[in-house]
Amino acid sequence: MDFDKADLKQRLTPLQYRVTQEAGTERAFSGAYWDTKDPGTYTCIVCDTPLFSSDTKYDSGSGWPSFYEALDPEAVELHVDRSFGMVRTEVTCAKCGAHLGHVFPDGPQPTGDRYCMNSASLNLERAEAE
């Protein structure tokens, strides 16, 4: 799914655009969701695809929202990222290609994964109070 860059620049904040379209990152402990504990579903800020559940969110101590698994493995794509002189695994939205963050193999069980995402790439659709 291709989005018009001019439309995205108008619709997204400069940080959201830099993170999702230019593979940028926000500073640790600065994003809206790094310490959020509210229940709900985290969606892609660009295309609204559901990506992560608050049920799999945990405090990794990294300063970025961290999840131990994606809501649906088909909702995200993994790519080798060799930027900054290191090899990491980049995570993008499978529907629109927005950069979300990186995944590392040092997360909790049951998966052992740490999806380290940028708050700027996500929108939390809070669950209705019961």
C-alpha atoms as a PDB file:
ATOM      1  CA  MET A   1       0.000   0.000   0.000  1.00  0.00           C
ATOM      2  CA  ASP A   2       1.532   3.283  -1.103  1.00  0.00           C
ATOM      3  CA  PHE A   3       0.706   6.538   0.608  1.00  0.00           C
ATOM      4  CA  ASP A   4       1.344   9.935  -0.927  1.00  0.00           C
ATOM      5  CA  LYS A   5       4.408  11.398   0.822  1.00  0.00           C
ATOM      6  CA  ALA A   6       2.937  14.918   0.802  1.00  0.00           C
ATOM      7  CA  ASP A   7      -0.250  13.601   2.443  1.00  0.00           C
ATOM      8  CA  LEU A   8       1.773  11.751   5.067  1.00  0.00           C
ATOM      9  CA  LYS A   9       3.846  14.856   5.844  1.00  0.00           C
ATOM     10  CA  GLN A  10       0.601  16.718   6.459  1.00  0.00           C
ATOM     11  CA  ARG A  11      -1.091  13.943   8.451  1.00  0.00           C
ATOM     12  CA  LEU A  12       1.833  12.822  10.622  1.00  0.00           C
ATOM     13  CA  THR A  13       3.964  14.802  13.042  1.00  0.00           C
ATOM     14  CA  PRO A  14       7.563  15.401  11.901  1.00  0.00           C
ATOM     15  CA  LEU A  15       8.748  12.686  14.337  1.00  0.00           C
ATOM     16  CA  GLN A  16       6.119  10.184  13.161  1.00  0.00           C
ATOM     17  CA  TYR A  17       7.137  10.828   9.551  1.00  0.00           C
ATOM     18  CA  ARG A  18      10.868  10.513  10.275  1.00  0.00           C
ATOM     19  CA  VAL A  19      10.374   7.262  12.198  1.00  0.00           C
ATOM     20  CA  THR A  20       7.913   5.546   9.845  1.00  0.00           C
ATOM     21  CA  GLN A  21       9.164   6.790   6.469  1.00  0.00           C
ATOM     22  CA  GLU A  22      12.883   7.344   7.076  1.00  0.00           C
ATOM     23  CA  ALA A  23      13.567   4.537   9.603  1.00  0.00           C
ATOM     24  CA  GLY A  24      14.295   7.018  12.358  1.00  0.00           C
ATOM     25  CA  THR A  25      13.990   6.453  16.071  1.00  0.00           C
ATOM     26  CA  GLU A  26      12.736   8.435  19.004  1.00  0.00           C
ATOM     27  CA  ARG A  27      14.865   9.023  22.104  1.00  0.00           C
ATOM     28  CA  ALA A  28      14.541   6.391  24.819  1.00  0.00           C
ATOM     29  CA  PHE A  29      11.996   7.214  27.529  1.00  0.00           C
ATOM     30  CA  SER A  30      10.507  10.014  25.379  1.00  0.00           C
ATOM     31  CA  GLY A  31       7.664   8.301  23.500  1.00  0.00           C
ATOM     32  CA  ALA A  32       4.009   8.342  24.458  1.00  0.00           C
ATOM     33  CA  TYR A  33       3.759   4.591  25.106  1.00  0.00           C
ATOM     34  CA  TRP A  34       7.042   3.437  26.639  1.00  0.00           C
ATOM     35  CA  ASP A  35       5.461   3.149  30.110  1.00  0.00           C
ATOM     36  CA  THR A  36       1.753   2.923  29.212  1.00  0.00           C
ATOM     37  CA  LYS A  37      -0.105   0.123  30.931  1.00  0.00           C
ATOM     38  CA  ASP A  38      -3.561   0.818  29.469  1.00  0.00           C
ATOM     39  CA  PRO A  39      -5.274  -2.192  27.867  1.00  0.00           C
ATOM     40  CA  GLY A  40      -5.892  -2.112  24.149  1.00  0.00           C
ATOM     41  CA  THR A  41      -4.479  -2.722  20.696  1.00  0.00           C
ATOM     42  CA  TYR A  42      -1.495  -0.922  19.195  1.00  0.00           C
ATOM     43  CA  THR A  43      -2.037  -0.101  15.532  1.00  0.00           C
ATOM     44  CA  CYS A  44       0.179   1.291  12.777  1.00  0.00           C
ATOM     45  CA  ILE A  45       0.088   5.110  12.851  1.00  0.00           C
ATOM     46  CA  VAL A  46       0.145   5.171   9.031  1.00  0.00           C
ATOM     47  CA  CYS A  47      -2.464   2.574   7.996  1.00  0.00           C
ATOM     48  CA  ASP A  48      -4.264   1.550  11.239  1.00  0.00           C
ATOM     49  CA  THR A  49      -3.321  -2.143  10.936  1.00  0.00           C
ATOM     50  CA  PRO A  50      -3.554  -3.894  14.343  1.00  0.00           C
ATOM     51  CA  LEU A  51       0.021  -4.849  15.308  1.00  0.00           C
ATOM     52  CA  PHE A  52       0.417  -5.556  19.033  1.00  0.00           C
ATOM     53  CA  SER A  53      -1.780  -6.287  22.034  1.00  0.00           C
ATOM     54  CA  SER A  54      -1.254  -4.676  25.417  1.00  0.00           C
ATOM     55  CA  ASP A  55      -1.444  -8.265  26.746  1.00  0.00           C
ATOM     56  CA  THR A  56       2.049  -8.908  25.314  1.00  0.00           C
ATOM     57  CA  LYS A  57       3.557  -5.544  26.328  1.00  0.00           C
ATOM     58  CA  TYR A  58       6.130  -5.554  29.102  1.00  0.00           C
ATOM     59  CA  ASP A  59       8.687  -3.240  30.702  1.00  0.00           C
ATOM     60  CA  SER A  60      11.991  -4.144  29.074  1.00  0.00           C
ATOM     61  CA  GLY A  61      13.828  -1.262  30.734  1.00  0.00           C
ATOM     62  CA  SER A  62      14.881  -0.027  27.276  1.00  0.00           C
ATOM     63  CA  GLY A  63      12.731   3.117  27.245  1.00  0.00           C
ATOM     64  CA  TRP A  64      10.698   2.021  24.219  1.00  0.00           C
ATOM     65  CA  PRO A  65       7.404   0.124  24.148  1.00  0.00           C
ATOM     66  CA  SER A  66       8.301  -3.569  24.095  1.00  0.00           C
ATOM     67  CA  PHE A  67       6.197  -6.595  23.220  1.00  0.00           C
ATOM     68  CA  TYR A  68       7.086 -10.288  23.232  1.00  0.00           C
ATOM     69  CA  GLU A  69       5.020 -11.050  20.113  1.00  0.00           C
ATOM     70  CA  ALA A  70       3.049  -9.436  17.328  1.00  0.00           C
ATOM     71  CA  LEU A  71      -0.735  -9.674  17.381  1.00  0.00           C
ATOM     72  CA  ASP A  72      -0.539 -11.544  14.062  1.00  0.00           C
ATOM     73  CA  PRO A  73       2.830 -12.681  12.654  1.00  0.00           C
ATOM     74  CA  GLU A  74       1.550 -11.747   9.180  1.00  0.00           C
ATOM     75  CA  ALA A  75       1.014  -8.109  10.274  1.00  0.00           C
ATOM     76  CA  VAL A  76       4.747  -7.393  10.521  1.00  0.00           C
ATOM     77  CA  GLU A  77       7.714  -8.043   8.260  1.00  0.00           C
ATOM     78  CA  LEU A  78      11.299  -8.579   9.374  1.00  0.00           C
ATOM     79  CA  HIS A  79      14.322  -7.281   7.449  1.00  0.00           C
ATOM     80  CA  VAL A  80      18.079  -7.352   8.000  1.00  0.00           C
ATOM     81  CA  ASP A  81      19.253  -3.865   9.002  1.00  0.00           C
ATOM     82  CA  ARG A  82      22.986  -3.204   8.667  1.00  0.00           C
ATOM     83  CA  SER A  83      22.858   0.523   9.470  1.00  0.00           C
ATOM     84  CA  PHE A  84      25.125   2.137  12.063  1.00  0.00           C
ATOM     85  CA  GLY A  85      27.767  -0.594  11.751  1.00  0.00           C
ATOM     86  CA  MET A  86      25.678  -3.335  13.352  1.00  0.00           C
ATOM     87  CA  VAL A  87      23.340  -6.080  12.238  1.00  0.00           C
ATOM     88  CA  ARG A  88      19.807  -5.881  13.621  1.00  0.00           C
ATOM     89  CA  THR A  89      16.371  -7.097  12.577  1.00  0.00           C
ATOM     90  CA  GLU A  90      14.115  -4.252  11.473  1.00  0.00           C
ATOM     91  CA  VAL A  91      10.343  -4.568  11.934  1.00  0.00           C
ATOM     92  CA  THR A  92       7.991  -2.926   9.425  1.00  0.00           C
ATOM     93  CA  CYS A  93       4.238  -2.933   8.960  1.00  0.00           C
ATOM     94  CA  ALA A  94       3.412  -5.642   6.411  1.00  0.00           C
ATOM     95  CA  LYS A  95       0.540  -3.608   4.975  1.00  0.00           C
ATOM     96  CA  CYS A  96       2.179  -0.202   4.367  1.00  0.00           C
ATOM     97  CA  GLY A  97       5.902  -0.734   4.971  1.00  0.00           C
ATOM     98  CA  ALA A  98       6.148   1.785   7.832  1.00  0.00           C
ATOM     99  CA  HIS A  99       9.260   1.362   9.982  1.00  0.00           C
ATOM    100  CA  LEU A 100       8.191   0.330  13.483  1.00  0.00           C
ATOM    101  CA  GLY A 101      11.425  -0.544  15.284  1.00  0.00           C
ATOM    102  CA  HIS A 102      13.580  -3.648  15.771  1.00  0.00           C
ATOM    103  CA  VAL A 103      13.190  -7.111  17.280  1.00  0.00           C
ATOM    104  CA  PHE A 104      15.840  -8.676  19.507  1.00  0.00           C
ATOM    105  CA  PRO A 105      16.200 -12.242  20.855  1.00  0.00           C
ATOM    106  CA  ASP A 106      16.402 -11.173  24.522  1.00  0.00           C
ATOM    107  CA  GLY A 107      12.729 -10.976  25.473  1.00  0.00           C
ATOM    108  CA  PRO A 108      10.691 -12.972  27.977  1.00  0.00           C
ATOM    109  CA  GLN A 109       9.046 -16.326  27.444  1.00  0.00           C
ATOM    110  CA  PRO A 110       7.024 -17.700  25.821  1.00  0.00           C
ATOM    111  CA  THR A 111       8.702 -16.287  22.676  1.00  0.00           C
ATOM    112  CA  GLY A 112      12.054 -14.930  23.854  1.00  0.00           C
ATOM    113  CA  ASP A 113      11.534 -11.957  21.507  1.00  0.00           C
ATOM    114  CA  ARG A 114      11.625  -8.250  22.332  1.00  0.00           C
ATOM    115  CA  TYR A 115       9.809  -6.179  19.741  1.00  0.00           C
ATOM    116  CA  CYS A 116      11.307  -2.788  20.605  1.00  0.00           C
ATOM    117  CA  MET A 117       8.950  -0.336  18.888  1.00  0.00           C
ATOM    118  CA  ASN A 118       8.822   3.421  18.513  1.00  0.00           C
ATOM    119  CA  SER A 119       5.786   5.068  20.108  1.00  0.00           C
ATOM    120  CA  ALA A 120       5.803   7.441  17.111  1.00  0.00           C
ATOM    121  CA  SER A 121       4.927   4.525  14.806  1.00  0.00           C
ATOM    122  CA  LEU A 122       2.005   3.337  16.926  1.00  0.00           C
ATOM    123  CA  ASN A 123      -1.462   4.397  17.985  1.00  0.00           C
ATOM    124  CA  LEU A 124      -3.072   2.818  21.048  1.00  0.00           C
ATOM    125  CA  GLU A 125      -6.725   1.975  20.580  1.00  0.00           C
ATOM    126  CA  ARG A 126      -7.667   1.710  24.215  1.00  0.00           C
ATOM    127  CA  ALA A 127     -10.021  -1.091  25.232  1.00  0.00           C
ATOM    128  CA  GLU A 128     -13.488  -0.125  26.370  1.00  0.00           C
ATOM    129  CA  ALA A 129     -13.872  -0.207  30.151  1.00  0.00           C
ATOM    130  CA  GLU A 130     -16.054  -3.095  31.230  1.00  0.00           C
END
